[in-house]
PDB file of all heavy atoms in Angstrom:
ATOM      1  N   ASP A   1     116.277  64.143 102.553  1.00  0.00           N
ATOM      2  CA  ASP A   1     114.851  63.927 102.304  1.00  0.00           C
ATOM      3  C   ASP A   1     114.533  62.463 102.580  1.00  0.00           C
ATOM      4  O   ASP A   1     114.802  61.596 101.764  1.00  0.00           O
ATOM      5  CB  ASP A   1     114.508  64.299 100.867  1.00  0.00           C
ATOM      6  CG  ASP A   1     113.058  64.010 100.520  1.00  0.00           C
ATOM      7  OD1 ASP A   1     112.268  63.712 101.430  1.00  0.00           O
ATOM      8  OD2 ASP A   1     112.720  64.085  99.326  1.00  0.00           O
ATOM      9  N   ALA A   2     113.968  62.196 103.758  1.00  0.00           N
ATOM     10  CA  ALA A   2     113.603  60.827 104.124  1.00  0.00           C
ATOM     11  C   ALA A   2     112.118  60.555 103.880  1.00  0.00           C
ATOM     12  O   ALA A   2     111.623  59.485 104.201  1.00  0.00           O
ATOM     13  CB  ALA A   2     113.945  60.583 105.592  1.00  0.00           C
ATOM     14  N   SER A   3     111.414  61.523 103.316  1.00  0.00           N
ATOM     15  CA  SER A   3     109.984  61.384 103.051  1.00  0.00           C
ATOM     16  C   SER A   3     109.747  60.708 101.706  1.00  0.00           C
ATOM     17  O   SER A   3     110.577  60.787 100.812  1.00  0.00           O
ATOM     18  CB  SER A   3     109.311  62.756 103.033  1.00  0.00           C
ATOM     19  OG  SER A   3     109.539  63.429 104.226  1.00  0.00           O
ATOM     20  N   THR A   4     108.586  60.079 101.594  1.00  0.00           N
ATOM     21  CA  THR A   4     108.256  59.432 100.320  1.00  0.00           C
ATOM     22  C   THR A   4     107.028  60.033  99.660  1.00  0.00           C
ATOM     23  O   THR A   4     106.767  59.773  98.493  1.00  0.00           O
ATOM     24  CB  THR A   4     108.000  57.921 100.529  1.00  0.00           C
ATOM     25  OG1 THR A   4     106.956  57.761 101.481  1.00  0.00           O
ATOM     26  CG2 THR A   4     109.256  57.219 100.998  1.00  0.00           C
ATOM     27  N   ASN A   5     106.259  60.848 100.411  1.00  0.00           N
ATOM     28  CA  ASN A   5     105.035  61.392  99.821  1.00  0.00           C
ATOM     29  C   ASN A   5     104.850  62.877 100.147  1.00  0.00           C
ATOM     30  O   ASN A   5     103.729  63.354 100.239  1.00  0.00           O
ATOM     31  CB  ASN A   5     103.824  60.598 100.293  1.00  0.00           C
ATOM     32  CG  ASN A   5     103.581  60.734 101.792  1.00  0.00           C
ATOM     33  OD1 ASN A   5     104.464  61.114 102.534  1.00  0.00           O
ATOM     34  ND2 ASN A   5     102.378  60.408 102.223  1.00  0.00           N
ATOM     35  N   GLU A   6     105.954  63.588 100.275  1.00  0.00           N
ATOM     36  CA  GLU A   6     105.829  65.015 100.602  1.00  0.00           C
ATOM     37  C   GLU A   6     105.466  65.832  99.372  1.00  0.00           C
ATOM     38  O   GLU A   6     105.794  65.458  98.256  1.00  0.00           O
ATOM     39  CB  GLU A   6     107.123  65.544 101.239  1.00  0.00           C
ATOM     40  CG  GLU A   6     108.220  65.916 100.268  1.00  0.00           C
ATOM     41  CD  GLU A   6     109.080  64.740  99.842  1.00  0.00           C
ATOM     42  OE1 GLU A   6     108.801  63.592 100.205  1.00  0.00           O
ATOM     43  OE2 GLU A   6     110.048  64.975  99.101  1.00  0.00           O
ATOM     44  N   ASP A   7     104.784  66.951  99.642  1.00  0.00           N
ATOM     45  CA  ASP A   7     104.488  67.924  98.594  1.00  0.00           C
ATOM     46  C   ASP A   7     105.390  69.142  98.715  1.00  0.00           C
ATOM     47  O   ASP A   7     105.377  70.013  97.861  1.00  0.00           O
ATOM     48  CB  ASP A   7     103.023  68.358  98.671  1.00  0.00           C
ATOM     49  CG  ASP A   7     102.094  67.240  98.235  1.00  0.00           C
ATOM     50  OD1 ASP A   7     102.341  66.639  97.176  1.00  0.00           O
ATOM     51  OD2 ASP A   7     101.127  66.952  98.972  1.00  0.00           O
ATOM     52  N   GLY A   8     106.145  69.206  99.800  1.00  0.00           N
ATOM     53  CA  GLY A   8     107.058  70.319 100.002  1.00  0.00           C
ATOM     54  C   GLY A   8     107.634  70.298 101.399  1.00  0.00           C
ATOM     55  O   GLY A   8     107.460  69.332 102.148  1.00  0.00           O
ATOM     56  N   PHE A   9     108.321  71.379 101.746  1.00  0.00           N
ATOM     57  CA  PHE A   9     108.987  71.488 103.039  1.00  0.00           C
ATOM     58  C   PHE A   9     108.688  72.833 103.672  1.00  0.00           C
ATOM     59  O   PHE A   9     108.491  73.830 102.980  1.00  0.00           O
ATOM     60  CB  PHE A   9     110.505  71.331 102.869  1.00  0.00           C
ATOM     61  CG  PHE A   9     110.902  69.939 102.503  1.00  0.00           C
ATOM     62  CD1 PHE A   9     110.973  69.552 101.185  1.00  0.00           C
ATOM     63  CD2 PHE A   9     111.173  69.008 103.483  1.00  0.00           C
ATOM     64  CE1 PHE A   9     111.316  68.265 100.839  1.00  0.00           C
ATOM     65  CE2 PHE A   9     111.509  67.712 103.158  1.00  0.00           C
ATOM     66  CZ  PHE A   9     111.584  67.343 101.828  1.00  0.00           C
ATOM     67  N   LEU A  10     108.671  72.843 104.988  1.00  0.00           N
ATOM     68  CA  LEU A  10     108.576  74.067 105.774  1.00  0.00           C
ATOM     69  C   LEU A  10     109.888  74.187 106.534  1.00  0.00           C
ATOM     70  O   LEU A  10     110.286  73.253 107.239  1.00  0.00           O
ATOM     71  CB  LEU A  10     107.412  73.996 106.766  1.00  0.00           C
ATOM     72  CG  LEU A  10     106.033  73.800 106.170  1.00  0.00           C
ATOM     73  CD1 LEU A  10     105.016  73.540 107.279  1.00  0.00           C
ATOM     74  CD2 LEU A  10     105.634  75.018 105.363  1.00  0.00           C
ATOM     75  N   VAL A  11     110.569  75.309 106.373  1.00  0.00           N
ATOM     76  CA  VAL A  11     111.848  75.531 107.047  1.00  0.00           C
ATOM     77  C   VAL A  11     111.689  76.740 107.958  1.00  0.00           C
ATOM     78  O   VAL A  11     111.376  77.841 107.489  1.00  0.00           O
ATOM     79  CB  VAL A  11     112.990  75.759 106.030  1.00  0.00           C
ATOM     80  CG1 VAL A  11     114.310  75.984 106.751  1.00  0.00           C
ATOM     81  CG2 VAL A  11     113.087  74.583 105.065  1.00  0.00           C
ATOM     82  N   TYR A  12     111.895  76.520 109.257  1.00  0.00           N
ATOM     83  CA  TYR A  12     111.785  77.586 110.248  1.00  0.00           C
ATOM     84  C   TYR A  12     113.158  77.922 110.799  1.00  0.00           C
ATOM     85  O   TYR A  12     113.934  77.027 111.139  1.00  0.00           O
ATOM     86  CB  TYR A  12     110.904  77.149 111.423  1.00  0.00           C
ATOM     87  CG  TYR A  12     109.449  77.037 111.067  1.00  0.00           C
ATOM     88  CD1 TYR A  12     108.918  75.833 110.642  1.00  0.00           C
ATOM     89  CD2 TYR A  12     108.615  78.140 111.174  1.00  0.00           C
ATOM     90  CE1 TYR A  12     107.571  75.724 110.319  1.00  0.00           C
ATOM     91  CE2 TYR A  12     107.271  78.040 110.849  1.00  0.00           C
ATOM     92  CZ  TYR A  12     106.757  76.835 110.429  1.00  0.00           C
ATOM     93  OH  TYR A  12     105.435  76.734 110.105  1.00  0.00           O
ATOM     94  N   ARG A  13     113.456  79.222 110.886  1.00  0.00           N
ATOM     95  CA  ARG A  13     114.656  79.711 111.561  1.00  0.00           C
ATOM     96  C   ARG A  13     114.235  80.126 112.962  1.00  0.00           C
ATOM     97  O   ARG A  13     113.224  80.810 113.147  1.00  0.00           O
ATOM     98  CB  ARG A  13     115.237  80.923 110.836  1.00  0.00           C
ATOM     99  CG  ARG A  13     116.426  81.515 111.540  1.00  0.00           C
ATOM    100  CD  ARG A  13     116.882  82.871 110.994  1.00  0.00           C
ATOM    101  NE  ARG A  13     116.646  83.110 109.600  1.00  0.00           N
ATOM    102  CZ  ARG A  13     115.887  84.110 109.136  1.00  0.00           C
ATOM    103  NH1 ARG A  13     115.262  84.930 109.952  1.00  0.00           N
ATOM    104  NH2 ARG A  13     115.741  84.281 107.852  1.00  0.00           N
ATOM    105  N   VAL A  14     115.002  79.716 113.974  1.00  0.00           N
ATOM    106  CA  VAL A  14     114.709  80.056 115.355  1.00  0.00           C
ATOM    107  C   VAL A  14     115.881  80.839 115.920  1.00  0.00           C
ATOM    108  O   VAL A  14     117.029  80.402 115.859  1.00  0.00           O
ATOM    109  CB  VAL A  14     114.469  78.786 116.207  1.00  0.00           C
ATOM    110  CG1 VAL A  14     114.136  79.160 117.640  1.00  0.00           C
ATOM    111  CG2 VAL A  14     113.385  77.925 115.600  1.00  0.00           C
ATOM    112  N   LEU A  15     115.575  82.016 116.451  1.00  0.00           N
ATOM    113  CA  LEU A  15     116.570  82.849 117.120  1.00  0.00           C
ATOM    114  C   LEU A  15     115.935  83.302 118.423  1.00  0.00           C
ATOM    115  O   LEU A  15     114.949  84.049 118.407  1.00  0.00           O
ATOM    116  CB  LEU A  15     116.969  84.046 116.258  1.00  0.00           C
ATOM    117  CG  LEU A  15     118.020  84.970 116.848  1.00  0.00           C
ATOM    118  CD1 LEU A  15     119.322  84.222 117.145  1.00  0.00           C
ATOM    119  CD2 LEU A  15     118.306  86.127 115.899  1.00  0.00           C
ATOM    120  N   GLY A  16     116.458  82.800 119.546  1.00  0.00           N
ATOM    121  CA  GLY A  16     115.827  83.083 120.829  1.00  0.00           C
ATOM    122  C   GLY A  16     114.461  82.430 120.862  1.00  0.00           C
ATOM    123  O   GLY A  16     114.323  81.240 120.624  1.00  0.00           O
ATOM    124  N   SER A  17     113.428  83.209 121.100  1.00  0.00           N
ATOM    125  CA  SER A  17     112.069  82.664 121.130  1.00  0.00           C
ATOM    126  C   SER A  17     111.284  83.005 119.868  1.00  0.00           C
ATOM    127  O   SER A  17     110.083  82.781 119.790  1.00  0.00           O
ATOM    128  CB  SER A  17     111.324  83.191 122.359  1.00  0.00           C
ATOM    129  OG  SER A  17     111.228  84.597 122.283  1.00  0.00           O
ATOM    130  N   THR A  18     111.966  83.543 118.851  1.00  0.00           N
ATOM    131  CA  THR A  18     111.301  83.948 117.614  1.00  0.00           C
ATOM    132  C   THR A  18     111.505  82.903 116.523  1.00  0.00           C
ATOM    133  O   THR A  18     112.632  82.556 116.192  1.00  0.00           O
ATOM    134  CB  THR A  18     111.852  85.308 117.129  1.00  0.00           C
ATOM    135  OG1 THR A  18     111.680  86.269 118.148  1.00  0.00           O
ATOM    136  CG2 THR A  18     111.149  85.756 115.861  1.00  0.00           C
ATOM    137  N   GLN A  19     110.393  82.389 115.980  1.00  0.00           N
ATOM    138  CA  GLN A  19     110.433  81.462 114.853  1.00  0.00           C
ATOM    139  C   GLN A  19     109.993  82.190 113.596  1.00  0.00           C
ATOM    140  O   GLN A  19     108.987  82.891 113.607  1.00  0.00           O
ATOM    141  CB  GLN A  19     109.491  80.288 115.079  1.00  0.00           C
ATOM    142  CG  GLN A  19     109.936  79.325 116.113  1.00  0.00           C
ATOM    143  CD  GLN A  19     109.067  78.077 116.119  1.00  0.00           C
ATOM    144  OE1 GLN A  19     108.369  77.789 115.153  1.00  0.00           O
ATOM    145  NE2 GLN A  19     109.120  77.342 117.202  1.00  0.00           N
ATOM    146  N   THR A  20     110.748  82.012 112.525  1.00  0.00           N
ATOM    147  CA  THR A  20     110.444  82.663 111.261  1.00  0.00           C
ATOM    148  C   THR A  20     110.453  81.628 110.148  1.00  0.00           C
ATOM    149  O   THR A  20     111.404  80.847 110.036  1.00  0.00           O
ATOM    150  CB  THR A  20     111.499  83.746 110.940  1.00  0.00           C
ATOM    151  OG1 THR A  20     111.590  84.647 112.033  1.00  0.00           O
ATOM    152  CG2 THR A  20     111.154  84.493 109.676  1.00  0.00           C
ATOM    153  N   LEU A  21     109.402  81.610 109.346  1.00  0.00           N
ATOM    154  CA  LEU A  21     109.380  80.769 108.161  1.00  0.00           C
ATOM    155  C   LEU A  21     110.377  81.371 107.178  1.00  0.00           C
ATOM    156  O   LEU A  21     110.288  82.552 106.846  1.00  0.00           O
ATOM    157  CB  LEU A  21     107.972  80.751 107.575  1.00  0.00           C
ATOM    158  CG  LEU A  21     107.556  79.599 106.709  1.00  0.00           C
ATOM    159  CD1 LEU A  21     107.757  78.255 107.388  1.00  0.00           C
ATOM    160  CD2 LEU A  21     106.113  79.761 106.300  1.00  0.00           C
ATOM    161  N   VAL A  22     111.349  80.590 106.727  1.00  0.00           N
ATOM    162  CA  VAL A  22     112.420  81.110 105.876  1.00  0.00           C
ATOM    163  C   VAL A  22     111.911  81.277 104.452  1.00  0.00           C
ATOM    164  O   VAL A  22     111.533  80.293 103.808  1.00  0.00           O
ATOM    165  CB  VAL A  22     113.652  80.188 105.911  1.00  0.00           C
ATOM    166  CG1 VAL A  22     114.756  80.729 105.013  1.00  0.00           C
ATOM    167  CG2 VAL A  22     114.156  80.031 107.336  1.00  0.00           C
ATOM    168  N   PRO A  23     111.878  82.531 103.944  1.00  0.00           N
ATOM    169  CA  PRO A  23     111.412  82.765 102.573  1.00  0.00           C
ATOM    170  C   PRO A  23     112.295  82.030 101.566  1.00  0.00           C
ATOM    171  O   PRO A  23     113.508  82.006 101.705  1.00  0.00           O
ATOM    172  CB  PRO A  23     111.547  84.276 102.388  1.00  0.00           C
ATOM    173  CG  PRO A  23     111.714  84.839 103.752  1.00  0.00           C
ATOM    174  CD  PRO A  23     112.297  83.753 104.600  1.00  0.00           C
ATOM    175  N   GLY A  24     111.680  81.432 100.570  1.00  0.00           N
ATOM    176  CA  GLY A  24     112.430  80.730  99.538  1.00  0.00           C
ATOM    177  C   GLY A  24     112.832  79.317  99.929  1.00  0.00           C
ATOM    178  O   GLY A  24     113.213  78.523  99.090  1.00  0.00           O
ATOM    179  N   CYS A  25     112.775  79.003 101.216  1.00  0.00           N
ATOM    180  CA  CYS A  25     113.101  77.648 101.682  1.00  0.00           C
ATOM    181  C   CYS A  25     111.841  76.849 101.942  1.00  0.00           C
ATOM    182  O   CYS A  25     111.857  75.628 101.864  1.00  0.00           O
ATOM    183  CB  CYS A  25     113.926  77.707 102.969  1.00  0.00           C
ATOM    184  SG  CYS A  25     115.602  78.322 102.749  1.00  0.00           S
ATOM    185  N   SER A  26     110.781  77.505 102.291  1.00  0.00           N
ATOM    186  CA  SER A  26     109.511  76.833 102.555  1.00  0.00           C
ATOM    187  C   SER A  26     108.745  76.792 101.249  1.00  0.00           C
ATOM    188  O   SER A  26     108.274  77.816 100.772  1.00  0.00           O
ATOM    189  CB  SER A  26     108.748  77.584 103.633  1.00  0.00           C
ATOM    190  OG  SER A  26     109.533  77.624 104.809  1.00  0.00           O
ATOM    191  N   THR A  27     108.690  75.608 100.661  1.00  0.00           N
ATOM    192  CA  THR A  27     108.239  75.511  99.279  1.00  0.00           C
ATOM    193  C   THR A  27     107.252  74.379  99.053  1.00  0.00           C
ATOM    194  O   THR A  27     107.031  73.549  99.914  1.00  0.00           O
ATOM    195  CB  THR A  27     109.436  75.255  98.337  1.00  0.00           C
ATOM    196  OG1 THR A  27     109.914  73.945  98.577  1.00  0.00           O
ATOM    197  CG2 THR A  27     110.540  76.261  98.525  1.00  0.00           C
ATOM    198  N   THR A  28     106.742  74.353  97.866  1.00  0.00           N
ATOM    199  CA  THR A  28     105.912  73.246  97.389  1.00  0.00           C
ATOM    200  C   THR A  28     106.739  72.378  96.446  1.00  0.00           C
ATOM    201  O   THR A  28     106.223  71.817  95.498  1.00  0.00           O
ATOM    202  CB  THR A  28     104.667  73.781  96.664  1.00  0.00           C
ATOM    203  OG1 THR A  28     105.085  74.620  95.595  1.00  0.00           O
ATOM    204  CG2 THR A  28     103.776  74.539  97.609  1.00  0.00           C
ATOM    205  N   THR A  29     108.027  72.259  96.743  1.00  0.00           N
ATOM    206  CA  THR A  29     108.929  71.470  95.916  1.00  0.00           C
ATOM    207  C   THR A  29     109.260  70.159  96.623  1.00  0.00           C
ATOM    208  O   THR A  29     109.987  70.160  97.615  1.00  0.00           O
ATOM    209  CB  THR A  29     110.241  72.243  95.644  1.00  0.00           C
ATOM    210  OG1 THR A  29     109.926  73.495  95.052  1.00  0.00           O
ATOM    211  CG2 THR A  29     111.166  71.461  94.735  1.00  0.00           C
ATOM    212  N   PRO A  30     108.732  69.031  96.164  1.00  0.00           N
ATOM    213  CA  PRO A  30     109.095  67.754  96.769  1.00  0.00           C
ATOM    214  C   PRO A  30     110.552  67.413  96.456  1.00  0.00           C
ATOM    215  O   PRO A  30     111.123  67.913  95.480  1.00  0.00           O
ATOM    216  CB  PRO A  30     108.147  66.750  96.130  1.00  0.00           C
ATOM    217  CG  PRO A  30     107.601  67.401  94.921  1.00  0.00           C
ATOM    218  CD  PRO A  30     107.760  68.876  95.095  1.00  0.00           C
ATOM    219  N   ASN A  31     111.142  66.592  97.300  1.00  0.00           N
ATOM    220  CA  ASN A  31     112.516  66.097  97.133  1.00  0.00           C
ATOM    221  C   ASN A  31     113.582  67.176  97.264  1.00  0.00           C
ATOM    222  O   ASN A  31     114.734  66.946  96.910  1.00  0.00           O
ATOM    223  CB  ASN A  31     112.672  65.351  95.804  1.00  0.00           C
ATOM    224  CG  ASN A  31     111.690  64.220  95.680  1.00  0.00           C
ATOM    225  OD1 ASN A  31     111.463  63.474  96.626  1.00  0.00           O
ATOM    226  ND2 ASN A  31     111.055  64.102  94.532  1.00  0.00           N
ATOM    227  N   LEU A  32     113.225  68.313  97.788  1.00  0.00           N
ATOM    228  CA  LEU A  32     114.199  69.378  98.026  1.00  0.00           C
ATOM    229  C   LEU A  32     115.133  68.940  99.154  1.00  0.00           C
ATOM    230  O   LEU A  32     114.695  68.318 100.118  1.00  0.00           O
ATOM    231  CB  LEU A  32     113.460  70.654  98.428  1.00  0.00           C
ATOM    232  CG  LEU A  32     114.264  71.939  98.511  1.00  0.00           C
ATOM    233  CD1 LEU A  32     114.670  72.396  97.119  1.00  0.00           C
ATOM    234  CD2 LEU A  32     113.430  73.021  99.180  1.00  0.00           C
ATOM    235  N   THR A  33     116.412  69.245  99.044  1.00  0.00           N
ATOM    236  CA  THR A  33     117.354  68.882 100.110  1.00  0.00           C
ATOM    237  C   THR A  33     118.260  70.035 100.523  1.00  0.00           C
ATOM    238  O   THR A  33     119.163  69.841 101.338  1.00  0.00           O
ATOM    239  CB  THR A  33     118.237  67.697  99.690  1.00  0.00           C
ATOM    240  OG1 THR A  33     118.939  68.039  98.496  1.00  0.00           O
ATOM    241  CG2 THR A  33     117.401  66.437  99.480  1.00  0.00           C
ATOM    242  N   GLN A  34     118.026  71.222  99.975  1.00  0.00           N
ATOM    243  CA  GLN A  34     118.817  72.371 100.388  1.00  0.00           C
ATOM    244  C   GLN A  34     118.131  73.669  99.986  1.00  0.00           C
ATOM    245  O   GLN A  34     117.297  73.694  99.097  1.00  0.00           O
ATOM    246  CB  GLN A  34     120.228  72.337  99.804  1.00  0.00           C
ATOM    247  CG  GLN A  34     120.288  72.581  98.307  1.00  0.00           C
ATOM    248  CD  GLN A  34     121.718  72.573  97.796  1.00  0.00           C
ATOM    249  OE1 GLN A  34     122.635  72.174  98.470  1.00  0.00           O
ATOM    250  NE2 GLN A  34     121.888  73.005  96.574  1.00  0.00           N
ATOM    251  N   CYS A  35     118.480  74.731 100.687  1.00  0.00           N
ATOM    252  CA  CYS A  35     118.017  76.066 100.338  1.00  0.00           C
ATOM    253  C   CYS A  35     118.986  77.070 100.956  1.00  0.00           C
ATOM    254  O   CYS A  35     119.909  76.692 101.677  1.00  0.00           O
ATOM    255  CB  CYS A  35     116.588  76.305 100.813  1.00  0.00           C
ATOM    256  SG  CYS A  35     116.425  76.375 102.594  1.00  0.00           S
ATOM    257  N   THR A  36     118.788  78.334 100.673  1.00  0.00           N
ATOM    258  CA  THR A  36     119.678  79.370 101.174  1.00  0.00           C
ATOM    259  C   THR A  36     118.897  80.369 102.002  1.00  0.00           C
ATOM    260  O   THR A  36     117.850  80.852 101.581  1.00  0.00           O
ATOM    261  CB  THR A  36     120.375  80.100  99.994  1.00  0.00           C
ATOM    262  OG1 THR A  36     121.090  79.129  99.230  1.00  0.00           O
ATOM    263  CG2 THR A  36     121.335  81.148 100.500  1.00  0.00           C
ATOM    264  N   ASP A  37     119.419  80.663 103.196  1.00  0.00           N
ATOM    265  CA  ASP A  37     118.846  81.677 104.078  1.00  0.00           C
ATOM    266  C   ASP A  37     119.749  82.898 104.026  1.00  0.00           C
ATOM    267  O   ASP A  37     120.974  82.774 104.130  1.00  0.00           O
ATOM    268  CB  ASP A  37     118.740  81.142 105.504  1.00  0.00           C
ATOM    269  CG  ASP A  37     117.920  82.037 106.416  1.00  0.00           C
ATOM    270  OD1 ASP A  37     117.283  82.973 105.917  1.00  0.00           O
ATOM    271  OD2 ASP A  37     117.917  81.782 107.633  1.00  0.00           O
ATOM    272  N   THR A  38     119.170  84.065 103.842  1.00  0.00           N
ATOM    273  CA  THR A  38     119.962  85.291 103.706  1.00  0.00           C
ATOM    274  C   THR A  38     119.607  86.283 104.811  1.00  0.00           C
ATOM    275  O   THR A  38     118.646  86.096 105.549  1.00  0.00           O
ATOM    276  CB  THR A  38     119.702  85.950 102.342  1.00  0.00           C
ATOM    277  OG1 THR A  38     118.313  86.270 102.241  1.00  0.00           O
ATOM    278  CG2 THR A  38     120.105  85.032 101.197  1.00  0.00           C
ATOM    279  N   GLY A  39     120.393  87.341 104.905  1.00  0.00           N
ATOM    280  CA  GLY A  39     120.126  88.408 105.853  1.00  0.00           C
ATOM    281  C   GLY A  39     120.470  88.041 107.285  1.00  0.00           C
ATOM    282  O   GLY A  39     119.920  88.614 108.221  1.00  0.00           O
ATOM    283  N   LEU A  40     121.378  87.095 107.476  1.00  0.00           N
ATOM    284  CA  LEU A  40     121.752  86.652 108.814  1.00  0.00           C
ATOM    285  C   LEU A  40     122.833  87.555 109.398  1.00  0.00           C
ATOM    286  O   LEU A  40     123.619  88.151 108.666  1.00  0.00           O
ATOM    287  CB  LEU A  40     122.249  85.210 108.769  1.00  0.00           C
ATOM    288  CG  LEU A  40     121.274  84.199 108.178  1.00  0.00           C
ATOM    289  CD1 LEU A  40     121.917  82.828 108.101  1.00  0.00           C
ATOM    290  CD2 LEU A  40     119.995  84.155 108.986  1.00  0.00           C
ATOM    291  N   THR A  41     122.890  87.622 110.712  1.00  0.00           N
ATOM    292  CA  THR A  41     123.916  88.407 111.405  1.00  0.00           C
ATOM    293  C   THR A  41     125.170  87.549 111.541  1.00  0.00           C
ATOM    294  O   THR A  41     125.104  86.453 112.114  1.00  0.00           O
ATOM    295  CB  THR A  41     123.421  88.839 112.799  1.00  0.00           C
ATOM    296  OG1 THR A  41     122.212  89.582 112.633  1.00  0.00           O
ATOM    297  CG2 THR A  41     124.450  89.667 113.520  1.00  0.00           C
ATOM    298  N   PRO A  42     126.313  88.012 111.017  1.00  0.00           N
ATOM    299  CA  PRO A  42     127.546  87.224 111.097  1.00  0.00           C
ATOM    300  C   PRO A  42     127.886  86.844 112.535  1.00  0.00           C
ATOM    301  O   PRO A  42     127.735  87.638 113.455  1.00  0.00           O
ATOM    302  CB  PRO A  42     128.609  88.165 110.522  1.00  0.00           C
ATOM    303  CG  PRO A  42     127.839  89.084 109.624  1.00  0.00           C
ATOM    304  CD  PRO A  42     126.511  89.274 110.313  1.00  0.00           C
ATOM    305  N   GLY A  43     128.350  85.597 112.720  1.00  0.00           N
ATOM    306  CA  GLY A  43     128.774  85.106 114.017  1.00  0.00           C
ATOM    307  C   GLY A  43     127.645  84.688 114.943  1.00  0.00           C
ATOM    308  O   GLY A  43     127.890  84.251 116.063  1.00  0.00           O
ATOM    309  N   THR A  44     126.389  84.789 114.501  1.00  0.00           N
ATOM    310  CA  THR A  44     125.234  84.453 115.332  1.00  0.00           C
ATOM    311  C   THR A  44     124.840  82.995 115.116  1.00  0.00           C
ATOM    312  O   THR A  44     124.864  82.504 113.993  1.00  0.00           O
ATOM    313  CB  THR A  44     124.043  85.371 114.983  1.00  0.00           C
ATOM    314  OG1 THR A  44     124.436  86.714 115.206  1.00  0.00           O
ATOM    315  CG2 THR A  44     122.825  85.047 115.823  1.00  0.00           C
ATOM    316  N   TYR A  45     124.487  82.307 116.199  1.00  0.00           N
ATOM    317  CA  TYR A  45     123.998  80.932 116.111  1.00  0.00           C
ATOM    318  C   TYR A  45     122.507  80.938 115.806  1.00  0.00           C
ATOM    319  O   TYR A  45     121.749  81.681 116.420  1.00  0.00           O
ATOM    320  CB  TYR A  45     124.246  80.174 117.418  1.00  0.00           C
ATOM    321  CG  TYR A  45     125.689  79.779 117.588  1.00  0.00           C
ATOM    322  CD1 TYR A  45     126.573  80.595 118.271  1.00  0.00           C
ATOM    323  CD2 TYR A  45     126.160  78.583 117.057  1.00  0.00           C
ATOM    324  CE1 TYR A  45     127.900  80.236 118.420  1.00  0.00           C
ATOM    325  CE2 TYR A  45     127.484  78.217 117.201  1.00  0.00           C
ATOM    326  CZ  TYR A  45     128.353  79.046 117.889  1.00  0.00           C
ATOM    327  OH  TYR A  45     129.662  78.690 118.025  1.00  0.00           O
TER     328      TYR A  45
END
């Protein structure tokens, strides 16, 4: 977290040309530095 006046974070997952806002990671929580993404396909970048 290099921000000083954030109200939250937006976390996007990109697979190919599809961007998805990651549920539970995109929050109104300032100073957040981690979250968990679920439902991923094993071995996929």
